[in-house]
């Protein structure tokens, strides 16, 4: 299973009998992508408020969700003042509420940017 969500590939996997959620579910990459996009937006917003700060790579952490587990790439910045809200520091699972909201917004046809802004 790829870490990048591909809608057409997901449909083919569903037709072939793949599970939608759970450990090997096909939705984990979608949750991962949308969560990472939201974290990037949070960091960008944070950096607009600090003059002498900038991006400084990413850290990886294993996340659990109802649709499976995945490695989440969390952006960081040089000063260490960024405190993400969608996935807080030391948090290892994504709440069902956030997960459902992400999937609902995607199902309604919202773009990654629109989902980031909403969350």
PDB file of N, CA and C in Angstrom:
ATOM      1  N   UNK A   1       0.833  -1.177   0.000  1.00  0.00           N
ATOM      2  CA  UNK A   1       0.000   0.000   0.000  1.00  0.00           C
ATOM      3  C   UNK A   1       0.880   1.244   0.000  1.00  0.00           C
ATOM      4  N   UNK A   2       0.565   2.174  -0.854  1.00  0.00           N
ATOM      5  CA  UNK A   2       1.317   3.420  -0.979  1.00  0.00           C
ATOM      6  C   UNK A   2       0.919   4.398   0.114  1.00  0.00           C
ATOM      7  N   UNK A   3       1.821   5.340   0.440  1.00  0.00           N
ATOM      8  CA  UNK A   3       1.500   6.369   1.418  1.00  0.00           C
ATOM      9  C   UNK A   3       0.726   7.517   0.785  1.00  0.00           C
ATOM     10  N   UNK A   4       0.649   7.573  -0.519  1.00  0.00           N
ATOM     11  CA  UNK A   4      -0.051   8.635  -1.230  1.00  0.00           C
ATOM     12  C   UNK A   4      -1.427   8.099  -1.653  1.00  0.00           C
ATOM     13  N   UNK A   5      -2.485   8.836  -1.343  1.00  0.00           N
ATOM     14  CA  UNK A   5      -3.826   8.376  -1.676  1.00  0.00           C
ATOM     15  C   UNK A   5      -4.105   8.607  -3.150  1.00  0.00           C
ATOM     16  N   UNK A   6      -4.518   7.559  -3.820  1.00  0.00           N
ATOM     17  CA  UNK A   6      -4.889   7.614  -5.226  1.00  0.00           C
ATOM     18  C   UNK A   6      -6.330   7.119  -5.323  1.00  0.00           C
ATOM     19  N   UNK A   7      -7.241   8.024  -5.678  1.00  0.00           N
ATOM     20  CA  UNK A   7      -8.664   7.700  -5.699  1.00  0.00           C
ATOM     21  C   UNK A   7      -8.975   6.527  -6.623  1.00  0.00           C
ATOM     22  N   UNK A   8      -8.404   6.546  -7.824  1.00  0.00           N
ATOM     23  CA  UNK A   8      -8.675   5.456  -8.783  1.00  0.00           C
ATOM     24  C   UNK A   8      -8.147   4.125  -8.262  1.00  0.00           C
ATOM     25  N   UNK A   9      -6.963   4.159  -7.686  1.00  0.00           N
ATOM     26  CA  UNK A   9      -6.386   2.936  -7.114  1.00  0.00           C
ATOM     27  C   UNK A   9      -7.249   2.434  -5.959  1.00  0.00           C
ATOM     28  N   UNK A  10      -7.757   3.359  -5.136  1.00  0.00           N
ATOM     29  CA  UNK A  10      -8.617   2.980  -4.011  1.00  0.00           C
ATOM     30  C   UNK A  10      -9.881   2.290  -4.511  1.00  0.00           C
ATOM     31  N   UNK A  11     -10.480   2.825  -5.587  1.00  0.00           N
ATOM     32  CA  UNK A  11     -11.673   2.192  -6.154  1.00  0.00           C
ATOM     33  C   UNK A  11     -11.379   0.784  -6.661  1.00  0.00           C
ATOM     34  N   UNK A  12     -10.236   0.626  -7.304  1.00  0.00           N
ATOM     35  CA  UNK A  12      -9.853  -0.701  -7.786  1.00  0.00           C
ATOM     36  C   UNK A  12      -9.649  -1.671  -6.628  1.00  0.00           C
ATOM     37  N   UNK A  13      -9.047  -1.190  -5.557  1.00  0.00           N
ATOM     38  CA  UNK A  13      -8.828  -2.040  -4.387  1.00  0.00           C
ATOM     39  C   UNK A  13     -10.151  -2.433  -3.732  1.00  0.00           C
ATOM     40  N   UNK A  14     -11.105  -1.504  -3.702  1.00  0.00           N
ATOM     41  CA  UNK A  14     -12.424  -1.815  -3.140  1.00  0.00           C
ATOM     42  C   UNK A  14     -13.106  -2.875  -3.995  1.00  0.00           C
ATOM     43  N   UNK A  15     -13.033  -2.711  -5.319  1.00  0.00           N
ATOM     44  CA  UNK A  15     -13.624  -3.704  -6.229  1.00  0.00           C
ATOM     45  C   UNK A  15     -12.990  -5.078  -6.039  1.00  0.00           C
ATOM     46  N   UNK A  16     -11.699  -5.084  -5.680  1.00  0.00           N
ATOM     47  CA  UNK A  16     -10.990  -6.350  -5.487  1.00  0.00           C
ATOM     48  C   UNK A  16     -11.208  -6.922  -4.088  1.00  0.00           C
ATOM     49  N   UNK A  17     -11.990  -6.219  -3.255  1.00  0.00           N
ATOM     50  CA  UNK A  17     -12.311  -6.743  -1.935  1.00  0.00           C
ATOM     51  C   UNK A  17     -11.465  -6.235  -0.792  1.00  0.00           C
ATOM     52  N   UNK A  18     -10.673  -5.183  -1.022  1.00  0.00           N
ATOM     53  CA  UNK A  18      -9.831  -4.634   0.044  1.00  0.00           C
ATOM     54  C   UNK A  18     -10.699  -3.996   1.122  1.00  0.00           C
ATOM     55  N   UNK A  19     -10.190  -4.012   2.343  1.00  0.00           N
ATOM     56  CA  UNK A  19     -10.896  -3.377   3.456  1.00  0.00           C
ATOM     57  C   UNK A  19     -10.765  -1.856   3.351  1.00  0.00           C
ATOM     58  N   UNK A  20     -11.821  -1.173   3.733  1.00  0.00           N
ATOM     59  CA  UNK A  20     -11.804   0.287   3.692  1.00  0.00           C
ATOM     60  C   UNK A  20     -11.089   0.847   4.920  1.00  0.00           C
ATOM     61  N   UNK A  21     -11.386   0.280   6.081  1.00  0.00           N
ATOM     62  CA  UNK A  21     -10.727   0.757   7.296  1.00  0.00           C
ATOM     63  C   UNK A  21     -10.031  -0.395   7.992  1.00  0.00           C
ATOM     64  N   UNK A  22      -9.440  -0.109   9.138  1.00  0.00           N
ATOM     65  CA  UNK A  22      -8.704  -1.127   9.863  1.00  0.00           C
ATOM     66  C   UNK A  22      -7.228  -1.092   9.518  1.00  0.00           C
ATOM     67  N   UNK A  23      -6.509  -2.082  10.007  1.00  0.00           N
ATOM     68  CA  UNK A  23      -5.049  -2.091   9.899  1.00  0.00           C
ATOM     69  C   UNK A  23      -4.541  -1.979   8.462  1.00  0.00           C
ATOM     70  N   UNK A  24      -5.132  -2.674   7.552  1.00  0.00           N
ATOM     71  CA  UNK A  24      -4.713  -2.631   6.146  1.00  0.00           C
ATOM     72  C   UNK A  24      -5.700  -1.846   5.286  1.00  0.00           C
ATOM     73  N   UNK A  25      -6.456  -0.956   5.897  1.00  0.00           N
ATOM     74  CA  UNK A  25      -7.481  -0.202   5.184  1.00  0.00           C
ATOM     75  C   UNK A  25      -6.905   0.759   4.167  1.00  0.00           C
ATOM     76  N   UNK A  26      -7.710   1.057   3.156  1.00  0.00           N
ATOM     77  CA  UNK A  26      -7.237   1.927   2.074  1.00  0.00           C
ATOM     78  C   UNK A  26      -7.386   3.409   2.378  1.00  0.00           C
ATOM     79  N   UNK A  27      -8.059   3.765   3.482  1.00  0.00           N
ATOM     80  CA  UNK A  27      -8.260   5.177   3.800  1.00  0.00           C
ATOM     81  C   UNK A  27      -7.135   5.805   4.612  1.00  0.00           C
ATOM     82  N   UNK A  28      -6.263   5.002   5.198  1.00  0.00           N
ATOM     83  CA  UNK A  28      -5.173   5.553   6.013  1.00  0.00           C
ATOM     84  C   UNK A  28      -4.321   6.564   5.236  1.00  0.00           C
ATOM     85  N   UNK A  29      -3.949   6.292   3.963  1.00  0.00           N
ATOM     86  CA  UNK A  29      -3.159   7.297   3.233  1.00  0.00           C
ATOM     87  C   UNK A  29      -3.898   8.621   3.041  1.00  0.00           C
ATOM     88  N   UNK A  30      -5.223   8.568   2.885  1.00  0.00           N
ATOM     89  CA  UNK A  30      -5.989   9.805   2.730  1.00  0.00           C
ATOM     90  C   UNK A  30      -5.969  10.613   4.018  1.00  0.00           C
ATOM     91  N   UNK A  31      -6.190   9.953   5.142  1.00  0.00           N
ATOM     92  CA  UNK A  31      -6.149  10.637   6.437  1.00  0.00           C
ATOM     93  C   UNK A  31      -4.761  11.237   6.652  1.00  0.00           C
ATOM     94  N   UNK A  32      -3.728  10.469   6.316  1.00  0.00           N
ATOM     95  CA  UNK A  32      -2.337  10.935   6.458  1.00  0.00           C
ATOM     96  C   UNK A  32      -2.109  12.206   5.640  1.00  0.00           C
ATOM     97  N   UNK A  33      -2.456  12.169   4.352  1.00  0.00           N
ATOM     98  CA  UNK A  33      -2.238  13.323   3.465  1.00  0.00           C
ATOM     99  C   UNK A  33      -2.959  14.566   3.953  1.00  0.00           C
ATOM    100  N   UNK A  34      -4.219  14.407   4.322  1.00  0.00           N
ATOM    101  CA  UNK A  34      -4.996  15.566   4.742  1.00  0.00           C
ATOM    102  C   UNK A  34      -4.516  16.115   6.083  1.00  0.00           C
ATOM    103  N   UNK A  35      -4.110  15.236   6.980  1.00  0.00           N
ATOM    104  CA  UNK A  35      -3.584  15.691   8.276  1.00  0.00           C
ATOM    105  C   UNK A  35      -2.267  16.434   8.081  1.00  0.00           C
ATOM    106  N   UNK A  36      -1.393  15.904   7.221  1.00  0.00           N
ATOM    107  CA  UNK A  36      -0.117  16.571   6.952  1.00  0.00           C
ATOM    108  C   UNK A  36      -0.334  17.925   6.287  1.00  0.00           C
ATOM    109  N   UNK A  37      -1.306  18.012   5.380  1.00  0.00           N
ATOM    110  CA  UNK A  37      -1.599  19.291   4.729  1.00  0.00           C
ATOM    111  C   UNK A  37      -2.088  20.317   5.754  1.00  0.00           C
ATOM    112  N   UNK A  38      -2.893  19.860   6.699  1.00  0.00           N
ATOM    113  CA  UNK A  38      -3.388  20.754   7.745  1.00  0.00           C
ATOM    114  C   UNK A  38      -2.264  21.212   8.662  1.00  0.00           C
ATOM    115  N   UNK A  39      -1.363  20.301   9.008  1.00  0.00           N
ATOM    116  CA  UNK A  39      -0.213  20.663   9.839  1.00  0.00           C
ATOM    117  C   UNK A  39       0.664  21.705   9.134  1.00  0.00           C
ATOM    118  N   UNK A  40       0.858  21.536   7.832  1.00  0.00           N
ATOM    119  CA  UNK A  40       1.643  22.514   7.057  1.00  0.00           C
ATOM    120  C   UNK A  40       0.977  23.885   7.113  1.00  0.00           C
ATOM    121  N   UNK A  41      -0.354  23.904   6.985  1.00  0.00           N
ATOM    122  CA  UNK A  41      -1.075  25.178   7.034  1.00  0.00           C
ATOM    123  C   UNK A  41      -0.952  25.821   8.413  1.00  0.00           C
ATOM    124  N   UNK A  42      -1.020  24.991   9.455  1.00  0.00           N
ATOM    125  CA  UNK A  42      -0.851  25.512  10.813  1.00  0.00           C
ATOM    126  C   UNK A  42       0.531  26.144  10.977  1.00  0.00           C
ATOM    127  N   UNK A  43       1.561  25.462  10.477  1.00  0.00           N
ATOM    128  CA  UNK A  43       2.918  25.998  10.596  1.00  0.00           C
ATOM    129  C   UNK A  43       3.065  27.293   9.808  1.00  0.00           C
ATOM    130  N   UNK A  44       2.525  27.329   8.598  1.00  0.00           N
ATOM    131  CA  UNK A  44       2.605  28.552   7.795  1.00  0.00           C
ATOM    132  C   UNK A  44       1.942  29.717   8.514  1.00  0.00           C
ATOM    133  N   UNK A  45       0.805  29.458   9.132  1.00  0.00           N
ATOM    134  CA  UNK A  45       0.112  30.501   9.890  1.00  0.00           C
ATOM    135  C   UNK A  45       0.959  30.948  11.082  1.00  0.00           C
ATOM    136  N   UNK A  46       1.567  30.000  11.753  1.00  0.00           N
ATOM    137  CA  UNK A  46       2.429  30.304  12.897  1.00  0.00           C
ATOM    138  C   UNK A  46       3.627  31.161  12.465  1.00  0.00           C
ATOM    139  N   UNK A  47       4.222  30.825  11.340  1.00  0.00           N
ATOM    140  CA  UNK A  47       5.414  31.542  10.875  1.00  0.00           C
ATOM    141  C   UNK A  47       5.110  32.969  10.453  1.00  0.00           C
ATOM    142  N   UNK A  48       3.868  33.251  10.060  1.00  0.00           N
ATOM    143  CA  UNK A  48       3.517  34.629   9.702  1.00  0.00           C
ATOM    144  C   UNK A  48       3.492  35.529  10.935  1.00  0.00           C
ATOM    145  N   UNK A  49       3.410  34.918  12.114  1.00  0.00           N
ATOM    146  CA  UNK A  49       3.354  35.682  13.352  1.00  0.00           C
ATOM    147  C   UNK A  49       4.730  35.869  13.989  1.00  0.00           C
ATOM    148  N   UNK A  50       5.732  35.172  13.460  1.00  0.00           N
ATOM    149  CA  UNK A  50       7.087  35.280  14.001  1.00  0.00           C
ATOM    150  C   UNK A  50       8.032  35.765  12.913  1.00  0.00           C
ATOM    151  N   UNK A  51       8.751  36.836  13.192  1.00  0.00           N
ATOM    152  CA  UNK A  51       9.608  37.450  12.187  1.00  0.00           C
ATOM    153  C   UNK A  51      10.861  36.630  11.909  1.00  0.00           C
ATOM    154  N   UNK A  52      11.549  36.196  12.930  1.00  0.00           N
ATOM    155  CA  UNK A  52      12.832  35.506  12.755  1.00  0.00           C
ATOM    156  C   UNK A  52      12.707  34.012  13.009  1.00  0.00           C
ATOM    157  N   UNK A  53      11.863  33.391  12.232  1.00  0.00           N
ATOM    158  CA  UNK A  53      11.664  31.954  12.361  1.00  0.00           C
ATOM    159  C   UNK A  53      11.354  31.409  10.975  1.00  0.00           C
ATOM    160  N   UNK A  54      11.700  30.144  10.753  1.00  0.00           N
ATOM    161  CA  UNK A  54      11.402  29.530   9.459  1.00  0.00           C
ATOM    162  C   UNK A  54      11.338  28.018   9.608  1.00  0.00           C
ATOM    163  N   UNK A  55      10.867  27.374   8.544  1.00  0.00           N
ATOM    164  CA  UNK A  55      10.728  25.919   8.555  1.00  0.00           C
ATOM    165  C   UNK A  55      12.083  25.255   8.779  1.00  0.00           C
ATOM    166  N   UNK A  56      12.034  24.079   9.392  1.00  0.00           N
ATOM    167  CA  UNK A  56      13.268  23.355   9.673  1.00  0.00           C
ATOM    168  C   UNK A  56      13.023  21.844   9.596  1.00  0.00           C
ATOM    169  N   UNK A  57      12.545  21.389   8.467  1.00  0.00           N
ATOM    170  CA  UNK A  57      12.373  19.959   8.251  1.00  0.00           C
ATOM    171  C   UNK A  57      11.113  19.403   8.882  1.00  0.00           C
ATOM    172  N   UNK A  58      11.137  18.084   9.077  1.00  0.00           N
ATOM    173  CA  UNK A  58       9.975  17.380   9.615  1.00  0.00           C
ATOM    174  C   UNK A  58      10.437  16.282  10.550  1.00  0.00           C
ATOM    175  N   UNK A  59       9.546  15.919  11.449  1.00  0.00           N
ATOM    176  CA  UNK A  59       9.774  14.751  12.295  1.00  0.00           C
ATOM    177  C   UNK A  59       8.672  13.754  11.985  1.00  0.00           C
ATOM    178  N   UNK A  60       8.963  12.515  12.223  1.00  0.00           N
ATOM    179  CA  UNK A  60       8.026  11.455  11.901  1.00  0.00           C
ATOM    180  C   UNK A  60       7.529  10.810  13.185  1.00  0.00           C
ATOM    181  N   UNK A  61       6.232  10.505  13.219  1.00  0.00           N
ATOM    182  CA  UNK A  61       5.714   9.758  14.355  1.00  0.00           C
ATOM    183  C   UNK A  61       4.606   8.821  13.892  1.00  0.00           C
ATOM    184  N   UNK A  62       4.527   7.684  14.552  1.00  0.00           N
ATOM    185  CA  UNK A  62       3.548   6.649  14.222  1.00  0.00           C
ATOM    186  C   UNK A  62       2.202   7.038  14.812  1.00  0.00           C
ATOM    187  N   UNK A  63       1.182   7.118  13.965  1.00  0.00           N
ATOM    188  CA  UNK A  63      -0.156   7.506  14.396  1.00  0.00           C
ATOM    189  C   UNK A  63      -1.118   6.335  14.252  1.00  0.00           C
ATOM    190  N   UNK A  64      -2.077   6.281  15.155  1.00  0.00           N
ATOM    191  CA  UNK A  64      -3.143   5.286  15.095  1.00  0.00           C
ATOM    192  C   UNK A  64      -4.446   6.017  14.828  1.00  0.00           C
ATOM    193  N   UNK A  65      -5.263   5.405  13.995  1.00  0.00           N
ATOM    194  CA  UNK A  65      -6.590   5.945  13.734  1.00  0.00           C
ATOM    195  C   UNK A  65      -7.523   4.758  13.508  1.00  0.00           C
ATOM    196  N   UNK A  66      -8.796   5.030  13.398  1.00  0.00           N
ATOM    197  CA  UNK A  66      -9.746   3.933  13.189  1.00  0.00           C
ATOM    198  C   UNK A  66      -9.602   3.311  11.808  1.00  0.00           C
ATOM    199  N   UNK A  67      -8.935   4.013  10.883  1.00  0.00           N
ATOM    200  CA  UNK A  67      -8.752   3.465   9.537  1.00  0.00           C
ATOM    201  C   UNK A  67      -7.386   2.816   9.351  1.00  0.00           C
ATOM    202  N   UNK A  68      -6.588   2.755  10.395  1.00  0.00           N
ATOM    203  CA  UNK A  68      -5.290   2.100  10.315  1.00  0.00           C
ATOM    204  C   UNK A  68      -4.180   2.946  10.909  1.00  0.00           C
ATOM    205  N   UNK A  69      -2.959   2.445  10.826  1.00  0.00           N
ATOM    206  CA  UNK A  69      -1.787   3.156  11.340  1.00  0.00           C
ATOM    207  C   UNK A  69      -0.989   3.722  10.172  1.00  0.00           C
ATOM    208  N   UNK A  70      -0.279   4.807  10.445  1.00  0.00           N
ATOM    209  CA  UNK A  70       0.556   5.418   9.417  1.00  0.00           C
ATOM    210  C   UNK A  70       1.617   6.285  10.064  1.00  0.00           C
ATOM    211  N   UNK A  71       2.673   6.575   9.298  1.00  0.00           N
ATOM    212  CA  UNK A  71       3.732   7.488   9.729  1.00  0.00           C
ATOM    213  C   UNK A  71       3.316   8.896   9.333  1.00  0.00           C
ATOM    214  N   UNK A  72       3.213   9.775  10.299  1.00  0.00           N
ATOM    215  CA  UNK A  72       2.832  11.156  10.047  1.00  0.00           C
ATOM    216  C   UNK A  72       4.086  12.020  10.058  1.00  0.00           C
ATOM    217  N   UNK A  73       4.263  12.809   9.010  1.00  0.00           N
ATOM    218  CA  UNK A  73       5.383  13.734   8.912  1.00  0.00           C
ATOM    219  C   UNK A  73       4.934  15.085   9.465  1.00  0.00           C
ATOM    220  N   UNK A  74       5.456  15.456  10.618  1.00  0.00           N
ATOM    221  CA  UNK A  74       5.067  16.695  11.295  1.00  0.00           C
ATOM    222  C   UNK A  74       6.121  17.765  11.011  1.00  0.00           C
ATOM    223  N   UNK A  75       5.706  18.891  10.412  1.00  0.00           N
ATOM    224  CA  UNK A  75       6.676  19.951  10.127  1.00  0.00           C
ATOM    225  C   UNK A  75       7.150  20.606  11.421  1.00  0.00           C
ATOM    226  N   UNK A  76       8.353  21.143  11.371  1.00  0.00           N
ATOM    227  CA  UNK A  76       8.889  21.848  12.537  1.00  0.00           C
ATOM    228  C   UNK A  76       9.561  23.134  12.072  1.00  0.00           C
ATOM    229  N   UNK A  77       9.870  23.979  13.039  1.00  0.00           N
ATOM    230  CA  UNK A  77      10.512  25.249  12.729  1.00  0.00           C
ATOM    231  C   UNK A  77      11.693  25.447  13.663  1.00  0.00           C
ATOM    232  N   UNK A  78      12.545  26.376  13.316  1.00  0.00           N
ATOM    233  CA  UNK A  78      13.822  26.544  14.016  1.00  0.00           C
ATOM    234  C   UNK A  78      13.702  26.904  15.497  1.00  0.00           C
ATOM    235  N   UNK A  79      12.765  27.765  15.856  1.00  0.00           N
ATOM    236  CA  UNK A  79      12.690  28.234  17.237  1.00  0.00           C
ATOM    237  C   UNK A  79      12.026  27.252  18.196  1.00  0.00           C
ATOM    238  N   UNK A  80      11.338  26.260  17.665  1.00  0.00           N
ATOM    239  CA  UNK A  80      10.670  25.277  18.519  1.00  0.00           C
ATOM    240  C   UNK A  80       9.442  25.813  19.239  1.00  0.00           C
ATOM    241  N   UNK A  81       8.829  26.854  18.696  1.00  0.00           N
ATOM    242  CA  UNK A  81       7.656  27.456  19.332  1.00  0.00           C
ATOM    243  C   UNK A  81       6.337  26.982  18.725  1.00  0.00           C
ATOM    244  N   UNK A  82       6.401  26.217  17.650  1.00  0.00           N
ATOM    245  CA  UNK A  82       5.193  25.738  16.961  1.00  0.00           C
ATOM    246  C   UNK A  82       4.509  24.658  17.793  1.00  0.00           C
ATOM    247  N   UNK A  83       3.234  24.885  18.096  1.00  0.00           N
ATOM    248  CA  UNK A  83       2.432  23.919  18.844  1.00  0.00           C
ATOM    249  C   UNK A  83       1.210  23.561  17.999  1.00  0.00           C
ATOM    250  N   UNK A  84       1.309  22.472  17.221  1.00  0.00           N
ATOM    251  CA  UNK A  84       0.190  22.097  16.350  1.00  0.00           C
ATOM    252  C   UNK A  84      -1.077  21.803  17.143  1.00  0.00           C
ATOM    253  N   UNK A  85      -2.212  22.088  16.539  1.00  0.00           N
ATOM    254  CA  UNK A  85      -3.495  21.896  17.211  1.00  0.00           C
ATOM    255  C   UNK A  85      -4.235  20.651  16.734  1.00  0.00           C
ATOM    256  N   UNK A  86      -4.156  20.317  15.453  1.00  0.00           N
ATOM    257  CA  UNK A  86      -4.898  19.161  14.956  1.00  0.00           C
ATOM    258  C   UNK A  86      -4.320  17.865  15.515  1.00  0.00           C
ATOM    259  N   UNK A  87      -3.002  17.789  15.601  1.00  0.00           N
ATOM    260  CA  UNK A  87      -2.316  16.656  16.229  1.00  0.00           C
ATOM    261  C   UNK A  87      -1.278  17.267  17.160  1.00  0.00           C
ATOM    262  N   UNK A  88      -1.591  17.284  18.417  1.00  0.00           N
ATOM    263  CA  UNK A  88      -0.719  17.930  19.398  1.00  0.00           C
ATOM    264  C   UNK A  88       0.567  17.144  19.619  1.00  0.00           C
ATOM    265  N   UNK A  89       1.570  17.805  20.171  1.00  0.00           N
ATOM    266  CA  UNK A  89       2.828  17.140  20.489  1.00  0.00           C
ATOM    267  C   UNK A  89       2.540  15.954  21.406  1.00  0.00           C
ATOM    268  N   UNK A  90       3.226  14.868  21.169  1.00  0.00           N
ATOM    269  CA  UNK A  90       3.125  13.626  21.936  1.00  0.00           C
ATOM    270  C   UNK A  90       1.816  12.869  21.710  1.00  0.00           C
ATOM    271  N   UNK A  91       0.907  13.396  20.915  1.00  0.00           N
ATOM    272  CA  UNK A  91      -0.334  12.692  20.610  1.00  0.00           C
ATOM    273  C   UNK A  91      -0.027  11.573  19.628  1.00  0.00           C
ATOM    274  N   UNK A  92      -0.562  10.388  19.848  1.00  0.00           N
ATOM    275  CA  UNK A  92      -0.273   9.234  19.001  1.00  0.00           C
ATOM    276  C   UNK A  92      -1.497   8.661  18.303  1.00  0.00           C
ATOM    277  N   UNK A  93      -2.658   9.272  18.512  1.00  0.00           N
ATOM    278  CA  UNK A  93      -3.849   8.791  17.809  1.00  0.00           C
ATOM    279  C   UNK A  93      -4.673   9.985  17.356  1.00  0.00           C
ATOM    280  N   UNK A  94      -5.374   9.791  16.277  1.00  0.00           N
ATOM    281  CA  UNK A  94      -6.230  10.837  15.734  1.00  0.00           C
ATOM    282  C   UNK A  94      -7.640  10.562  16.220  1.00  0.00           C
ATOM    283  N   UNK A  95      -8.295  11.576  16.726  1.00  0.00           N
ATOM    284  CA  UNK A  95      -9.644  11.385  17.262  1.00  0.00           C
ATOM    285  C   UNK A  95     -10.611  11.030  16.139  1.00  0.00           C
ATOM    286  N   UNK A  96     -11.626  10.261  16.499  1.00  0.00           N
ATOM    287  CA  UNK A  96     -12.638   9.855  15.522  1.00  0.00           C
ATOM    288  C   UNK A  96     -13.349  11.066  14.934  1.00  0.00           C
ATOM    289  N   UNK A  97     -13.549  12.106  15.754  1.00  0.00           N
ATOM    290  CA  UNK A  97     -14.246  13.301  15.286  1.00  0.00           C
ATOM    291  C   UNK A  97     -13.466  13.986  14.163  1.00  0.00           C
ATOM    292  N   UNK A  98     -12.166  14.187  14.347  1.00  0.00           N
ATOM    293  CA  UNK A  98     -11.340  14.825  13.322  1.00  0.00           C
ATOM    294  C   UNK A  98     -11.307  13.957  12.073  1.00  0.00           C
ATOM    295  N   UNK A  99     -11.141  12.669  12.269  1.00  0.00           N
ATOM    296  CA  UNK A  99     -11.079  11.735  11.157  1.00  0.00           C
ATOM    297  C   UNK A  99     -12.372  11.779  10.331  1.00  0.00           C
ATOM    298  N   UNK A 100     -13.508  11.750  11.008  1.00  0.00           N
ATOM    299  CA  UNK A 100     -14.800  11.803  10.310  1.00  0.00           C
ATOM    300  C   UNK A 100     -14.970  13.117   9.566  1.00  0.00           C
ATOM    301  N   UNK A 101     -14.530  14.208  10.183  1.00  0.00           N
ATOM    302  CA  UNK A 101     -14.643  15.515   9.550  1.00  0.00           C
ATOM    303  C   UNK A 101     -13.784  15.579   8.283  1.00  0.00           C
ATOM    304  N   UNK A 102     -12.564  15.075   8.357  1.00  0.00           N
ATOM    305  CA  UNK A 102     -11.668  15.060   7.201  1.00  0.00           C
ATOM    306  C   UNK A 102     -12.298  14.254   6.067  1.00  0.00           C
ATOM    307  N   UNK A 103     -12.783  13.063   6.368  1.00  0.00           N
ATOM    308  CA  UNK A 103     -13.381  12.207   5.341  1.00  0.00           C
ATOM    309  C   UNK A 103     -14.649  12.827   4.766  1.00  0.00           C
ATOM    310  N   UNK A 104     -15.469  13.447   5.608  1.00  0.00           N
ATOM    311  CA  UNK A 104     -16.704  14.086   5.134  1.00  0.00           C
ATOM    312  C   UNK A 104     -16.399  15.227   4.174  1.00  0.00           C
ATOM    313  N   UNK A 105     -15.448  16.067   4.563  1.00  0.00           N
ATOM    314  CA  UNK A 105     -15.090  17.196   3.706  1.00  0.00           C
ATOM    315  C   UNK A 105     -14.530  16.721   2.369  1.00  0.00           C
ATOM    316  N   UNK A 106     -13.724  15.664   2.404  1.00  0.00           N
ATOM    317  CA  UNK A 106     -13.170  15.119   1.164  1.00  0.00           C
ATOM    318  C   UNK A 106     -14.285  14.533   0.303  1.00  0.00           C
ATOM    319  N   UNK A 107     -15.197  13.813   0.930  1.00  0.00           N
ATOM    320  CA  UNK A 107     -16.307  13.191   0.195  1.00  0.00           C
ATOM    321  C   UNK A 107     -17.216  14.250  -0.442  1.00  0.00           C
ATOM    322  N   UNK A 108     -17.301  15.416   0.169  1.00  0.00           N
ATOM    323  CA  UNK A 108     -18.124  16.497  -0.379  1.00  0.00           C
ATOM    324  C   UNK A 108     -17.436  17.231  -1.525  1.00  0.00           C
ATOM    325  N   UNK A 109     -16.214  16.817  -1.845  1.00  0.00           N
ATOM    326  CA  UNK A 109     -15.518  17.409  -2.977  1.00  0.00           C
ATOM    327  C   UNK A 109     -14.628  18.584  -2.629  1.00  0.00           C
ATOM    328  N   UNK A 110     -14.365  18.810  -1.354  1.00  0.00           N
ATOM    329  CA  UNK A 110     -13.492  19.907  -0.953  1.00  0.00           C
ATOM    330  C   UNK A 110     -12.046  19.592  -1.320  1.00  0.00           C
ATOM    331  N   UNK A 111     -11.313  20.606  -1.694  1.00  0.00           N
ATOM    332  CA  UNK A 111      -9.893  20.447  -2.006  1.00  0.00           C
ATOM    333  C   UNK A 111      -9.101  20.370  -0.710  1.00  0.00           C
ATOM    334  N   UNK A 112      -7.822  19.980  -0.820  1.00  0.00           N
ATOM    335  CA  UNK A 112      -6.954  19.944   0.358  1.00  0.00           C
ATOM    336  C   UNK A 112      -6.879  21.315   1.011  1.00  0.00           C
ATOM    337  N   UNK A 113      -6.804  22.360   0.192  1.00  0.00           N
ATOM    338  CA  UNK A 113      -6.711  23.727   0.725  1.00  0.00           C
ATOM    339  C   UNK A 113      -7.981  24.091   1.490  1.00  0.00           C
ATOM    340  N   UNK A 114      -9.142  23.746   0.931  1.00  0.00           N
ATOM    341  CA  UNK A 114     -10.392  24.044   1.616  1.00  0.00           C
ATOM    342  C   UNK A 114     -10.505  23.272   2.935  1.00  0.00           C
ATOM    343  N   UNK A 115     -10.043  22.026   2.949  1.00  0.00           N
ATOM    344  CA  UNK A 115     -10.085  21.224   4.177  1.00  0.00           C
ATOM    345  C   UNK A 115      -9.142  21.820   5.205  1.00  0.00           C
ATOM    346  N   UNK A 116      -7.942  22.225   4.788  1.00  0.00           N
ATOM    347  CA  UNK A 116      -6.989  22.854   5.706  1.00  0.00           C
ATOM    348  C   UNK A 116      -7.601  24.086   6.348  1.00  0.00           C
ATOM    349  N   UNK A 117      -8.250  24.925   5.509  1.00  0.00           N
ATOM    350  CA  UNK A 117      -8.850  26.165   6.019  1.00  0.00           C
ATOM    351  C   UNK A 117      -9.978  25.863   6.991  1.00  0.00           C
ATOM    352  N   UNK A 118     -10.760  24.843   6.688  1.00  0.00           N
ATOM    353  CA  UNK A 118     -11.893  24.500   7.553  1.00  0.00           C
ATOM    354  C   UNK A 118     -11.419  23.981   8.909  1.00  0.00           C
ATOM    355  N   UNK A 119     -10.442  23.095   8.890  1.00  0.00           N
ATOM    356  CA  UNK A 119      -9.959  22.514  10.144  1.00  0.00           C
ATOM    357  C   UNK A 119      -9.147  23.525  10.932  1.00  0.00           C
TER     358      UNK A 119
END
